[in-house]
C-alpha cells in the first residue's frame, strides 16, 4: 500500500487562511466607505417637507399691514411737499411713518435688512425736515442780531444771539442726524453774544486809561488814581467773567496795576524830583553843604518810595545811589578843591626842584586823599590817577632828589628848542631800576642801557619820571 504523505506548499503559493482574511478585509473596507458616505449625506442639506411647516398667517398679515401703513404715510407726505412747504402737521405724517417702521423692526426681527435700512433712511429724513424750522429761525436771529450790533443796539443784539443759540441747541440735541447739526455754531454764537457784553466794558476801560494819562500829564494825581483804578477794575471784571474772549487780557491788567502803583507813588516822586532840583540849584550857587543835605533827603525819600511801592516805575535803587554820590560830592567839594590845589602846587615845586617843600606837601596830600576816600567814598572828586601818583611819590620821597639829579645830569637841550631836552644816552639800568623797582635787562649793569622792556613798561617809566620831575616826559 502506498505510504500516506503530505505535500509541502511551494514558496510562491498563497495560504488559504490568508486569502480568506484578505477577502474579509476588503468587504469590511467597502462597508466602512459606504457608511461614511451615508453619514456625510445626513450632515448635508435635507429635503424639506413643506407639509409640516408651521405657518402663521396672522403674523405675516400684521407685518404686511404695518409695512403698507408706513409706506402710505410716507407717500402722503411726498404728495404734500410737491405742492408746498410742509407744516408741523405735515411733518407729523413722516413722524408717524417712522414710528410704524420702528415698531415693525422691533416686533419682527426677521423683517430683514431692507426694513432696517428703510428705518434708518426715514429717521434721517424726518430729522432733516423737522430740524429745518429751528435751523432757519436760528440763522435769521443771527442775521437780525448782526444788524442790531452794527446799529449800536448791543443789548438787543445780544438777546437775539442768545435766542439763536437756543434754537441751534434744539437742533443739536433733538436731531443729531440732521445736516444742520452744528455744535461748533453754538460755541461761535455764544462767543459773539459774550463779545457784545465784553466790548463796551473794554472800550470803557480803555477810555478811562486815556483819561488817566491826561491827568498824569497835568500831575493831577488824585484824579489820575481814581480813573485808572476804574480802568483796572473793569479789566479785572473782563478777565473773571469773560475768560476766553479777546477782551480778556491778563497782561493789560498787570500793566494797569503797575501804572496805578506808579500814580500812587507819583506824588512822592514829584517831591523827590523837587528836592533833587533844589539841590542842583544850591550846588550851582556854591552852597555845597546845603546841596548835600538836600541830596541826602532826596535819597531818603527815594528809599521810602522803593520800600512802599516796589512795583512802581519810579522805584529805583540806582537813583538812591546817584543822590548819595551827589551828596558826598557836594560835601567833599572844599576838600577836593584843596587836594587839586595842592596837586598843582606839588608839580610846581618838583618842577622847580624844591624837593624838601615838595616832600612835606606829599605827606599832606597823602593824608587829605586818604580822608577823602574814607569819608566820601562815593564822591566824584575821588581821583584814582592822583591817588596812584601821590602813593608812588610818598613811596620814593627819600630818593626824589637823587633821581632828579641823576636825570638832569643825563639831559641835553634840543637845538633850536629852549623848552625841550632829551637824554644824552639810552636809559641806564641803574636809573630804570630805582624808578621802576625792577630790571628786566638780560645784560645786567647799572651803566648799561635797559633792554627787553615792553612798550607799556616804557610808557609807565616815562609817567613816573614826569611825576618826579614835575614836568611832562
Protein backbone atom coordinates (compact mmCIF):
# COMPACT_ATOMS: atom_id res chain seq x y z
CA UNK A 1 0.00 0.00 0.00
CA UNK A 2 1.36 3.35 -0.78
CA UNK A 3 2.62 5.43 2.12
CA UNK A 4 0.33 8.50 3.13
CA UNK A 5 2.47 11.57 2.59
CA UNK A 6 1.73 15.40 2.98
CA UNK A 7 2.54 17.67 0.06
CA UNK A 8 4.60 20.69 1.01
CA UNK A 9 3.44 24.19 -0.23
CA UNK A 10 5.73 25.84 -2.58
CA UNK A 11 7.12 29.26 -1.64
CA UNK A 12 5.14 31.10 -4.31
CA UNK A 13 1.80 29.54 -3.29
CA UNK A 14 -0.63 31.62 -1.03
CA UNK A 15 -2.06 30.27 2.22
CA UNK A 16 -5.86 29.63 2.18
CA UNK A 17 -6.29 31.43 5.53
CA UNK A 18 -4.50 34.49 4.27
CA UNK A 19 -6.73 34.58 1.23
CA UNK A 20 -9.85 34.44 3.38
CA UNK A 21 -8.51 37.28 5.59
CA UNK A 22 -7.85 39.48 2.60
CA UNK A 23 -11.35 38.95 1.24
CA UNK A 24 -12.94 39.76 4.60
CA UNK A 25 -10.81 42.91 4.93
CA UNK A 26 -11.86 44.14 1.50
CA UNK A 27 -15.52 43.56 2.36
CA UNK A 28 -15.20 45.48 5.64
CA UNK A 29 -13.40 48.37 3.92
CA UNK A 30 -16.17 48.71 1.35
CA UNK A 31 -18.77 48.65 4.10
CA UNK A 32 -16.91 51.38 6.01
CA UNK A 33 -16.69 53.61 2.94
CA UNK A 34 -20.41 53.22 2.28
CA UNK A 35 -21.22 54.01 5.91
CA UNK A 36 -19.07 57.15 5.72
CA UNK A 37 -20.86 58.42 2.64
CA UNK A 38 -24.19 57.77 4.38
CA UNK A 39 -23.15 59.83 7.40
CA UNK A 40 -21.96 62.67 5.21
CA UNK A 41 -25.28 62.69 3.40
CA UNK A 42 -27.08 63.05 6.73
CA UNK A 43 -24.93 66.07 7.63
CA UNK A 44 -25.76 67.99 4.40
CA UNK A 45 -28.98 69.73 3.19
CA UNK A 46 -32.17 67.79 3.79
CA UNK A 47 -35.31 67.59 1.76
CA UNK A 48 -37.92 69.98 3.04
CA UNK A 49 -41.35 68.66 3.76
CA UNK A 50 -43.50 71.72 3.16
CA UNK A 51 -46.48 69.91 4.51
CA UNK A 52 -45.13 70.06 8.04
CA UNK A 53 -44.15 73.77 8.07
CA UNK A 54 -45.81 75.61 10.92
CA UNK A 55 -47.30 78.55 9.05
CA UNK A 56 -48.55 81.65 10.89
CA UNK A 57 -50.78 83.59 8.53
CA UNK A 58 -51.76 86.09 11.31
CA UNK A 59 -48.16 87.36 11.81
CA UNK A 60 -47.47 87.70 8.10
CA UNK A 61 -50.63 89.68 7.64
CA UNK A 62 -49.73 92.05 10.51
CA UNK A 63 -46.24 92.59 9.09
CA UNK A 64 -47.62 93.35 5.64
CA UNK A 65 -50.21 95.70 7.14
CA UNK A 66 -47.56 97.67 9.07
CA UNK A 67 -45.35 97.91 6.00
CA UNK A 68 -48.25 99.19 3.95
CA UNK A 69 -49.21 101.73 6.62
CA UNK A 70 -45.69 103.13 6.86
CA UNK A 71 -45.38 103.39 3.08
CA UNK A 72 -48.80 105.03 2.81
CA UNK A 73 -47.93 107.69 5.41
CA UNK A 74 -44.66 108.49 3.67
CA UNK A 75 -46.46 108.68 0.30
CA UNK A 76 -48.94 111.22 1.69
CA UNK A 77 -46.03 113.32 2.91
CA UNK A 78 -44.43 113.11 -0.54
CA UNK A 79 -47.64 114.38 -2.17
CA UNK A 80 -47.74 117.38 0.18
CA UNK A 81 -44.15 118.55 -0.30
CA UNK A 82 -44.63 118.50 -4.06
CA UNK A 83 -47.35 121.14 -3.66
CA UNK A 84 -46.00 123.28 -0.79
CA UNK A 85 -43.63 123.51 2.10
CA UNK A 86 -44.58 121.09 4.89
CA UNK A 87 -46.23 122.38 8.05
CA UNK A 88 -45.80 120.96 11.53
CA UNK A 89 -48.88 118.78 10.97
CA UNK A 90 -47.44 117.53 7.68
CA UNK A 91 -44.18 116.60 9.39
CA UNK A 92 -46.20 114.50 11.83
CA UNK A 93 -47.14 112.23 8.90
CA UNK A 94 -43.46 111.47 8.38
CA UNK A 95 -43.07 111.01 12.14
CA UNK A 96 -45.96 108.50 12.15
CA UNK A 97 -44.40 106.60 9.23
CA UNK A 98 -41.13 106.49 11.18
CA UNK A 99 -42.85 105.27 14.36
CA UNK A 100 -44.67 102.48 12.47
CA UNK A 101 -41.46 101.37 10.77
CA UNK A 102 -39.60 101.39 14.09
CA UNK A 103 -42.33 99.25 15.69
CA UNK A 104 -42.20 96.88 12.71
CA UNK A 105 -38.46 96.32 13.04
CA UNK A 106 -38.78 95.94 16.81
CA UNK A 107 -41.70 93.48 16.64
CA UNK A 108 -40.40 91.39 13.76
CA UNK A 109 -36.63 90.81 13.99
CA UNK A 110 -36.92 88.63 10.88
CA UNK A 111 -38.24 91.54 8.82
CA UNK A 112 -34.88 91.71 7.07
CA UNK A 113 -32.15 94.22 6.28
CA UNK A 114 -34.37 96.10 3.87
CA UNK A 115 -36.75 97.05 6.68
CA UNK A 116 -33.83 98.20 8.88
CA UNK A 117 -32.34 100.25 6.04
CA UNK A 118 -35.70 101.92 5.41
CA UNK A 119 -35.98 102.73 9.12
CA UNK A 120 -32.59 104.47 9.03
CA UNK A 121 -33.49 106.46 5.92
CA UNK A 122 -36.85 107.50 7.40
CA UNK A 123 -35.20 108.57 10.64
CA UNK A 124 -32.61 110.69 8.84
CA UNK A 125 -35.24 112.25 6.57
CA UNK A 126 -37.54 113.07 9.46
CA UNK A 127 -34.74 114.72 11.47
CA UNK A 128 -33.67 116.72 8.42
CA UNK A 129 -37.23 118.01 7.83
CA UNK A 130 -38.13 118.52 11.50
CA UNK A 131 -34.93 120.48 12.26
CA UNK A 132 -35.31 122.83 9.31
CA UNK A 133 -37.65 125.27 11.07
CA UNK A 134 -35.39 125.63 14.13
CA UNK A 135 -32.26 125.94 11.99
CA UNK A 136 -33.75 128.60 9.74
CA UNK A 137 -35.05 130.52 12.73
CA UNK A 138 -31.61 130.41 14.35
CA UNK A 139 -29.97 131.71 11.17
CA UNK A 140 -32.50 134.54 10.87
CA UNK A 141 -32.00 135.51 14.50
CA UNK A 142 -28.25 135.63 13.94
CA UNK A 143 -28.71 137.86 10.89
CA UNK A 144 -31.00 140.24 12.80
CA UNK A 145 -28.56 140.30 15.73
CA UNK A 146 -25.71 141.37 13.46
CA UNK A 147 -27.80 144.20 12.01
CA UNK A 148 -28.62 145.44 15.51
CA UNK A 149 -24.97 145.21 16.55
CA UNK A 150 -23.92 147.27 13.52
CA UNK A 151 -26.53 149.85 14.51
CA UNK A 152 -25.10 150.04 18.04
CA UNK A 153 -28.03 148.26 19.70
CA UNK A 154 -25.71 145.90 21.56
CA UNK A 155 -28.06 144.69 24.30
CA UNK A 156 -30.85 143.84 21.83
CA UNK A 157 -28.33 142.16 19.55
CA UNK A 158 -27.04 140.06 22.44
CA UNK A 159 -30.62 138.93 23.23
CA UNK A 160 -31.14 137.75 19.65
CA UNK A 161 -27.78 135.95 19.63
CA UNK A 162 -28.81 134.02 22.74
CA UNK A 163 -32.15 133.09 21.14
CA UNK A 164 -30.25 131.86 18.09
CA UNK A 165 -28.12 129.76 20.44
CA UNK A 166 -31.21 128.15 21.99
CA UNK A 167 -32.69 127.26 18.58
CA UNK A 168 -29.40 125.72 17.47
CA UNK A 169 -29.18 123.76 20.71
CA UNK A 170 -32.65 122.27 19.98
CA UNK A 171 -31.34 121.07 16.61
CA UNK A 172 -28.14 119.66 18.11
CA UNK A 173 -29.89 117.85 20.96
CA UNK A 174 -33.01 116.51 19.20
CA UNK A 175 -31.88 115.99 15.61
CA UNK A 176 -28.32 114.63 15.60
CA UNK A 177 -28.74 113.10 12.10
CA UNK A 178 -29.69 116.44 10.53
CA UNK A 179 -27.27 118.27 8.26
CA UNK A 180 -27.97 121.33 10.46
CA UNK A 181 -26.41 119.61 13.48
CA UNK A 182 -23.55 122.03 14.28
CA UNK A 183 -22.09 122.00 17.81
CA UNK A 184 -19.40 124.48 16.72
CA UNK A 185 -22.07 127.03 15.76
CA UNK A 186 -23.38 127.13 19.32
CA UNK A 187 -19.90 127.96 20.63
CA UNK A 188 -19.43 130.65 17.98
CA UNK A 189 -22.78 132.31 18.71
CA UNK A 190 -22.06 132.25 22.44
CA UNK A 191 -18.71 133.95 21.85
CA UNK A 192 -20.38 136.64 19.76
CA UNK A 193 -23.01 137.22 22.43
CA UNK A 194 -20.26 137.42 25.03
CA UNK A 195 -18.35 139.88 22.84
CA UNK A 196 -21.32 142.26 22.84
CA UNK A 197 -21.17 142.37 26.65
CA UNK A 198 -17.39 142.49 26.96
CA UNK A 199 -16.62 145.03 24.22
CA UNK A 200 -18.41 148.01 25.85
CA UNK A 201 -16.65 147.24 29.13
CA UNK A 202 -13.30 147.01 27.37
CA UNK A 203 -13.81 150.27 25.47
CA UNK A 204 -14.83 151.99 28.70
CA UNK A 205 -11.68 150.70 30.39
CA UNK A 206 -9.51 151.97 27.52
CA UNK A 207 -11.20 155.38 27.64
CA UNK A 208 -10.63 155.62 31.40
CA UNK A 209 -6.96 154.77 30.95
CA UNK A 210 -6.60 157.51 28.33
CA UNK A 211 -8.33 159.94 30.70
CA UNK A 212 -5.93 158.94 33.47
CA UNK A 213 -2.96 159.58 31.16
CA UNK A 214 -4.23 163.13 30.70
CA UNK A 215 -4.38 163.64 34.46
CA UNK A 216 -0.85 162.25 34.76
CA UNK A 217 0.41 164.83 32.25
CA UNK A 218 -1.25 167.51 34.37
CA UNK A 219 0.21 165.87 37.51
CA UNK A 220 -3.33 165.71 38.91
CA UNK A 221 -2.55 162.57 40.90
CA UNK A 222 -5.85 162.11 42.83
CA UNK A 223 -7.94 162.16 39.63
CA UNK A 224 -5.38 160.04 37.80
CA UNK A 225 -5.52 157.43 40.56
CA UNK A 226 -9.35 157.42 40.61
CA UNK A 227 -9.81 156.96 36.86
CA UNK A 228 -7.03 154.42 36.49
CA UNK A 229 -8.45 152.35 39.36
CA UNK A 230 -11.78 152.24 37.48
CA UNK A 231 -9.99 151.13 34.31
CA UNK A 232 -8.17 148.39 36.22
CA UNK A 233 -11.39 147.20 37.91
CA UNK A 234 -13.17 146.88 34.54
CA UNK A 235 -10.29 144.87 33.10
CA UNK A 236 -10.35 142.64 36.16
CA UNK A 237 -14.10 142.07 35.61
CA UNK A 238 -13.45 141.14 31.98
CA UNK A 239 -10.75 138.67 33.00
CA UNK A 240 -13.06 137.00 35.53
CA UNK A 241 -16.42 136.99 33.74
CA UNK A 242 -15.38 136.76 30.09
CA UNK A 243 -12.50 134.33 30.03
CA UNK A 244 -11.60 133.24 26.54
CA UNK A 245 -12.84 136.46 24.93
CA UNK A 246 -10.39 138.69 23.14
CA UNK A 247 -11.14 141.45 25.67
CA UNK A 248 -9.76 139.28 28.45
CA UNK A 249 -6.15 140.39 28.88
CA UNK A 250 -4.14 139.44 31.95
CA UNK A 251 -1.08 141.31 30.70
CA UNK A 252 -3.06 144.55 30.41
CA UNK A 253 -4.42 144.12 33.93
CA UNK A 254 -0.88 143.75 35.28
CA UNK A 255 0.25 146.78 33.29
CA UNK A 256 -2.62 148.86 34.68
CA UNK A 257 -1.80 147.64 38.17
CA UNK A 258 1.83 148.75 37.85
CA UNK A 259 0.72 152.03 36.32
CA UNK A 260 -1.65 152.59 39.23
CA UNK A 261 1.16 151.97 41.70
CA UNK A 262 3.18 154.48 39.73
CA UNK A 263 0.43 157.07 40.14
CA UNK A 264 0.07 156.31 43.84
CA UNK A 265 3.81 156.85 44.21
CA UNK A 266 3.81 159.76 41.76
CA UNK A 267 3.26 162.40 44.42
CA UNK A 268 6.25 161.13 46.37
CA UNK A 269 8.29 161.06 43.16
CA UNK A 270 7.38 164.69 42.48
CA UNK A 271 8.64 165.60 45.95
CA UNK A 272 11.88 163.68 45.31
CA UNK A 273 12.32 165.42 41.97
CA UNK A 274 11.75 168.85 43.52
CA UNK A 275 14.26 168.06 46.28
CA UNK A 276 16.87 166.97 43.73
CA UNK A 277 16.35 170.06 41.57
CA UNK A 278 16.66 172.29 44.62
CA UNK A 279 19.93 170.56 45.50
CA UNK A 280 21.21 171.19 41.96
CA UNK A 281 20.35 174.87 42.31
CA UNK A 282 22.20 175.13 45.64
CA UNK A 283 25.24 173.39 44.16
CA UNK A 284 25.38 175.78 41.20
CA UNK A 285 25.08 178.69 43.62
CA UNK A 286 28.10 177.41 45.54
CA UNK A 287 26.10 176.40 48.63
CA UNK A 288 27.57 172.93 48.65
CA UNK A 289 26.75 171.85 52.21
CA UNK A 290 23.08 172.82 51.76
CA UNK A 291 23.07 170.94 48.46
CA UNK A 292 24.49 167.87 50.22
CA UNK A 293 21.66 167.97 52.79
CA UNK A 294 19.04 168.24 50.06
CA UNK A 295 20.53 165.30 48.17
CA UNK A 296 20.54 163.23 51.38
CA UNK A 297 16.85 163.99 51.88
CA UNK A 298 16.10 163.02 48.27
CA UNK A 299 17.91 159.70 48.82
CA UNK A 300 15.88 159.07 52.00
CA UNK A 301 12.59 159.76 50.21
CA UNK A 302 13.62 157.53 47.32
CA UNK A 303 14.38 154.66 49.73
CA UNK A 304 10.92 155.09 51.28
CA UNK A 305 9.29 155.02 47.84
CA UNK A 306 11.24 151.88 46.91
CA UNK A 307 10.07 150.16 50.10
CA UNK A 308 6.40 151.18 49.89
CA UNK A 309 5.98 150.80 46.12
CA UNK A 310 8.44 148.18 44.87
CA UNK A 311 6.45 147.74 41.62
CA UNK A 312 6.35 151.45 40.86
CA UNK A 313 8.10 152.64 37.69
CA UNK A 314 9.66 155.30 39.94
CA UNK A 315 11.23 152.69 42.20
CA UNK A 316 14.99 152.74 41.61
CA UNK A 317 17.97 151.75 43.71
CA UNK A 318 20.22 153.42 41.11
CA UNK A 319 18.55 156.76 41.83
CA UNK A 320 19.34 156.33 45.54
CA UNK A 321 22.99 155.70 44.69
CA UNK A 322 23.05 158.75 42.41
CA UNK A 323 21.65 161.03 45.14
CA UNK A 324 24.23 159.72 47.63
CA UNK A 325 27.00 160.32 45.09
CA UNK A 326 25.83 163.90 44.57
CA UNK A 327 25.55 164.43 48.32
CA UNK A 328 29.09 163.25 49.05
CA UNK A 329 30.46 165.15 46.06
CA UNK A 330 28.90 168.37 47.36
CA UNK A 331 30.00 167.71 50.93
CA UNK A 332 33.58 166.99 49.83
CA UNK A 333 33.79 169.95 47.47
CA UNK A 334 36.02 172.08 49.70
CA UNK A 335 38.38 169.19 50.48
CA UNK A 336 38.51 168.26 46.82
CA UNK A 337 39.46 171.81 45.83
CA UNK A 338 42.28 171.77 48.40
CA UNK A 339 43.58 168.45 47.05
CA UNK A 340 43.55 169.77 43.47
CA UNK A 341 45.31 172.99 44.51
CA UNK A 342 47.99 171.08 46.45
CA UNK A 343 48.50 168.74 43.50
CA UNK A 344 49.14 171.71 41.21
CA UNK A 345 51.49 173.20 43.82
CA UNK A 346 53.33 169.86 44.12
CA UNK A 347 54.01 169.77 40.39
CA UNK A 348 55.31 173.31 40.56
CA UNK A 349 57.65 172.54 43.49
CA UNK A 350 59.01 169.40 41.84
CA UNK A 351 59.46 171.26 38.57
CA UNK A 352 61.49 173.92 40.43
CA UNK A 353 63.45 171.13 42.21
CA UNK A 354 62.31 172.35 45.66
CA UNK A 355 62.31 168.82 46.92
CA UNK A 356 62.07 169.40 50.69
CA UNK A 357 58.93 171.53 50.36
CA UNK A 358 57.53 169.01 47.88
CA UNK A 359 58.04 166.13 50.32
CA UNK A 360 56.13 167.99 53.05
CA UNK A 361 53.32 168.62 50.60
CA UNK A 362 53.28 164.95 49.54
CA UNK A 363 52.62 163.98 53.16
CA UNK A 364 49.72 166.46 53.38
CA UNK A 365 48.29 165.28 50.07
CA UNK A 366 48.51 161.66 51.13
CA UNK A 367 46.58 162.47 54.33
CA UNK A 368 43.89 164.51 52.53
CA UNK A 369 43.37 161.88 49.82
CA UNK A 370 43.01 159.16 52.44
CA UNK A 371 40.47 161.30 54.30
CA UNK A 372 38.53 161.82 51.06
CA UNK A 373 38.43 158.07 50.39
CA UNK A 374 37.30 157.16 53.90
CA UNK A 375 34.79 159.98 54.49
CA UNK A 376 33.38 160.40 51.00
CA UNK A 377 33.88 157.10 49.16
CA UNK A 378 31.07 157.90 46.64
CA UNK A 379 32.33 161.38 45.81
CA UNK A 380 33.06 162.09 42.16
CA UNK A 381 36.07 164.12 43.32
CA UNK A 382 37.97 160.95 44.19
CA UNK A 383 40.68 160.86 41.52
CA UNK A 384 42.18 157.40 41.20
CA UNK A 385 45.06 158.57 38.98
CA UNK A 386 46.03 161.21 41.54
CA UNK A 387 45.83 158.62 44.31
CA UNK A 388 48.26 156.34 42.44
CA UNK A 389 50.63 159.26 41.76
CA UNK A 390 50.73 160.52 45.36
CA UNK A 391 51.07 156.99 46.70
CA UNK A 392 54.12 156.43 44.45
CA UNK A 393 55.75 159.76 45.33
CA UNK A 394 55.22 159.02 49.01
CA UNK A 395 56.96 155.67 48.48
CA UNK A 396 60.07 157.17 46.77
CA UNK A 397 60.14 160.52 48.59
CA UNK A 398 63.61 159.88 50.03
CA UNK A 399 65.02 159.21 46.53
CA UNK A 400 63.37 162.08 44.68
CA UNK A 401 66.34 164.45 44.92
CA UNK A 402 68.80 161.73 43.88
CA UNK A 403 66.66 160.72 40.91
CA UNK A 404 66.23 164.33 39.80
CA UNK A 405 69.98 164.99 39.98
CA UNK A 406 70.81 161.87 38.01
CA UNK A 407 68.08 162.51 35.46
CA UNK A 408 69.02 166.12 34.79
CA UNK A 409 72.69 165.09 34.55
CA UNK A 410 71.79 162.92 31.56
CA UNK A 411 69.71 165.61 29.82
CA UNK A 412 70.90 167.75 26.91
CA UNK A 413 68.96 170.61 25.33
CA UNK A 414 67.50 170.05 21.88
CA UNK A 415 68.89 172.56 19.37
CA UNK A 416 66.51 175.34 18.33
CA UNK A 417 64.19 174.50 21.25
CA UNK A 418 64.56 176.09 24.65
CA UNK A 419 61.84 174.04 26.42
CA UNK A 420 62.66 170.57 25.11
CA UNK A 421 65.52 168.34 26.30
CA UNK A 422 66.45 164.72 25.78
CA UNK A 423 68.69 162.08 27.32
CA UNK A 424 72.23 162.10 26.09
CA UNK A 425 72.33 158.29 26.21
CA UNK A 426 69.92 155.41 26.36
CA UNK A 427 68.18 154.95 29.71
CA UNK A 428 70.74 153.33 32.05
CA UNK A 429 69.65 150.29 34.05
CA UNK A 430 70.50 151.96 37.36
CA UNK A 431 68.04 154.81 36.75
CA UNK A 432 65.37 152.47 35.42
CA UNK A 433 65.68 150.09 38.38
CA UNK A 434 65.38 152.80 41.05
CA UNK A 435 62.27 154.24 39.37
CA UNK A 436 60.52 151.01 38.39
CA UNK A 437 61.74 148.80 41.25
CA UNK A 438 62.82 146.08 38.79
CA UNK A 439 65.32 145.49 35.99
CA UNK A 440 64.21 143.20 33.14
CA UNK A 441 67.50 143.55 31.21
CA UNK A 442 69.47 140.45 30.27
CA UNK A 443 72.91 142.12 30.12
CA UNK A 444 72.99 143.48 33.66
CA UNK A 445 74.94 146.55 34.69
CA UNK A 446 73.90 149.92 36.17
CA UNK A 447 75.61 151.83 33.38
CA UNK A 448 74.37 149.51 30.63
CA UNK A 449 71.28 150.56 28.66
CA UNK A 450 67.95 148.95 29.50
CA UNK A 451 66.80 146.19 27.16
CA UNK A 452 63.90 143.73 26.98
CA UNK A 453 61.16 146.15 28.07
CA UNK A 454 57.68 146.37 26.58
CA UNK A 455 56.00 149.49 25.24
CA UNK A 456 53.68 149.53 28.28
CA UNK A 457 56.65 149.38 30.67
CA UNK A 458 58.41 152.18 28.80
CA UNK A 459 55.26 154.31 28.97
CA UNK A 460 54.91 153.68 32.71
CA UNK A 461 58.60 154.66 33.21
CA UNK A 462 58.03 157.99 31.45
CA UNK A 463 54.91 158.61 33.53
CA UNK A 464 56.75 158.08 36.81
CA UNK A 465 59.67 160.28 35.70
CA UNK A 466 57.17 163.05 34.89
CA UNK A 467 55.72 162.75 38.42
CA UNK A 468 59.18 163.05 39.97
CA UNK A 469 60.44 166.00 37.91
CA UNK A 470 57.04 167.74 37.77
CA UNK A 471 57.21 168.10 34.02
CA UNK A 472 55.83 166.12 31.05
CA UNK A 473 58.20 163.40 29.81
